[in-house]
Protein backbone atom coordinates (compact mmCIF):
# COMPACT_ATOMS: atom_id res chain seq x y z
CA MET A 1 0.21 -0.10 -0.02
CA THR A 2 1.67 3.63 -0.87
CA THR A 3 1.62 6.11 1.20
CA PHE A 4 -1.01 8.24 -1.04
CA ASP A 5 -3.27 4.73 -0.61
CA LYS A 6 -2.83 5.01 3.39
CA ARG A 7 -3.72 8.26 3.00
CA GLU A 8 -6.90 7.67 1.26
CA GLU A 9 -7.66 5.44 3.38
CA GLY A 10 -7.44 8.05 6.53
CA PHE A 11 -9.43 10.49 4.82
CA GLU A 12 -12.30 7.85 4.29
CA LYS A 13 -12.35 6.64 7.39
CA LYS A 14 -12.70 10.32 8.66
CA PHE A 15 -15.62 11.03 6.62
CA ALA A 16 -17.71 7.87 7.58
CA LEU A 17 -16.78 9.11 11.42
CA ASP A 18 -17.66 12.52 10.63
CA GLU A 19 -21.10 11.65 9.16
CA GLU A 20 -21.98 9.12 11.90
CA LEU A 21 -21.46 11.68 14.50
CA LYS A 22 -23.40 13.80 12.10
CA PHE A 23 -26.01 11.43 12.42
CA LYS A 24 -26.16 10.71 16.11
CA ALA A 25 -25.94 14.93 16.78
CA GLU A 26 -28.94 15.39 14.86
CA ALA A 27 -30.93 12.42 15.91
CA ARG A 28 -30.04 13.51 19.48
CA ARG A 29 -31.34 16.74 18.63
CA SER A 30 -34.60 15.68 17.08
CA LYS A 31 -34.99 14.16 20.39
CA LEU A 32 -34.51 16.63 22.35
CA LEU A 33 -37.02 18.77 20.37
CA GLY A 34 -39.26 16.32 21.00
CA LEU A 35 -38.75 16.29 24.79
CA TRP A 36 -39.13 20.37 24.52
CA ALA A 37 -42.56 19.82 22.46
CA ALA A 38 -43.89 17.29 24.47
CA GLU A 39 -43.89 19.69 27.60
CA LYS A 40 -45.20 22.41 25.55
CA LEU A 41 -48.26 19.48 24.64
CA GLY A 42 -48.23 18.23 28.16
CA LEU A 43 -47.01 15.19 27.62
CA THR A 44 -44.57 13.40 30.91
CA GLY A 45 -43.26 10.20 31.10
CA ASP A 46 -43.56 7.32 28.61
CA ALA A 47 -45.63 9.36 26.46
CA ALA A 48 -43.35 12.32 26.36
CA ALA A 49 -40.63 10.10 25.36
CA ALA A 50 -42.64 8.45 22.74
CA TYR A 51 -43.73 12.09 20.80
CA ALA A 52 -40.03 12.32 21.18
CA LYS A 53 -39.27 9.05 18.85
CA GLU A 54 -42.05 10.20 16.71
CA VAL A 55 -39.89 13.28 16.15
CA VAL A 56 -37.03 11.35 15.38
CA VAL A 57 -38.72 8.91 13.04
CA ALA A 58 -40.27 12.54 11.29
CA ASP A 59 -36.59 14.03 11.23
CA LEU A 60 -35.68 10.39 8.67
CA GLU A 61 -38.25 10.91 6.09
CA GLU A 62 -36.36 13.96 3.48
CA ALA A 63 -33.19 15.69 4.21
CA GLY A 64 -32.97 18.71 5.98
CA ASP A 65 -34.96 19.91 8.90
CA ALA A 66 -38.37 21.01 6.92
CA ASP A 67 -39.77 17.46 7.62
CA VAL A 68 -39.39 17.84 11.90
CA VAL A 69 -40.50 21.53 11.86
CA ARG A 70 -43.24 20.89 9.82
CA LYS A 71 -44.52 17.80 12.35
CA VAL A 72 -43.74 20.13 16.08
CA THR A 73 -45.27 22.70 14.39
CA LYS A 74 -48.48 20.99 13.13
CA ASP A 75 -48.90 18.81 16.34
CA LEU A 76 -48.51 22.05 18.65
CA ALA A 77 -50.75 24.41 16.09
CA ASP A 78 -53.33 21.42 16.51
CA LYS A 79 -53.33 21.45 20.54
CA GLY A 80 -53.43 25.40 20.38
CA VAL A 81 -49.96 25.80 21.40
CA SER A 82 -48.19 29.12 19.53
CA VAL A 83 -45.38 29.01 18.54
CA THR A 84 -43.78 29.94 15.44
CA GLU A 85 -41.50 27.94 13.18
CA GLN A 86 -38.64 30.50 13.94
CA GLU A 87 -38.46 29.60 17.52
CA ILE A 88 -38.65 25.65 16.42
CA ARG A 89 -35.67 26.60 14.61
CA LEU A 90 -33.66 28.24 17.34
CA LYS A 91 -34.41 25.62 19.38
CA LEU A 92 -33.09 23.04 16.81
CA GLY A 93 -29.89 25.06 16.42
CA GLU A 94 -30.11 25.13 20.80
CA PHE A 95 -30.28 21.28 20.86
CA LEU A 96 -28.18 20.72 18.34
CA ALA A 97 -25.09 22.81 19.64
CA GLN A 98 -26.09 20.86 23.07
CA ALA A 99 -26.23 17.34 21.46
CA VAL A 100 -22.64 17.81 19.89
CA ILE A 101 -21.55 18.51 23.52
CA GLU A 102 -23.37 15.72 24.80
CA ILE A 103 -22.00 13.34 22.35
CA LYS A 104 -18.59 14.72 22.74
CA ALA A 105 -18.58 13.85 26.10
CA GLY A 106 -19.59 10.53 26.05
CA LYS A 107 -22.71 11.06 27.46
């Protein structure tokens, strides 16, 4: 194996690791958003955890954040909870930062 091949293999491994960490961070972010929304919906315990899982699954429907924002916005609106799309997107940013810190800390 040449030095170039070893270097290429190293870049491929780093890319795979980065993608895995990105996936984990986004899933954790969606779970945190789901728990936040569940609280606003008055859900607690197992019901809140189940709702958070629904939000994580919704995030897998399409690329980007639109699917999660759409689900949470609709669910909150259906229950008469007034939260704007902008507020949800701000929470997504906050929760992503929190998720990255938690993952790097090994939580």
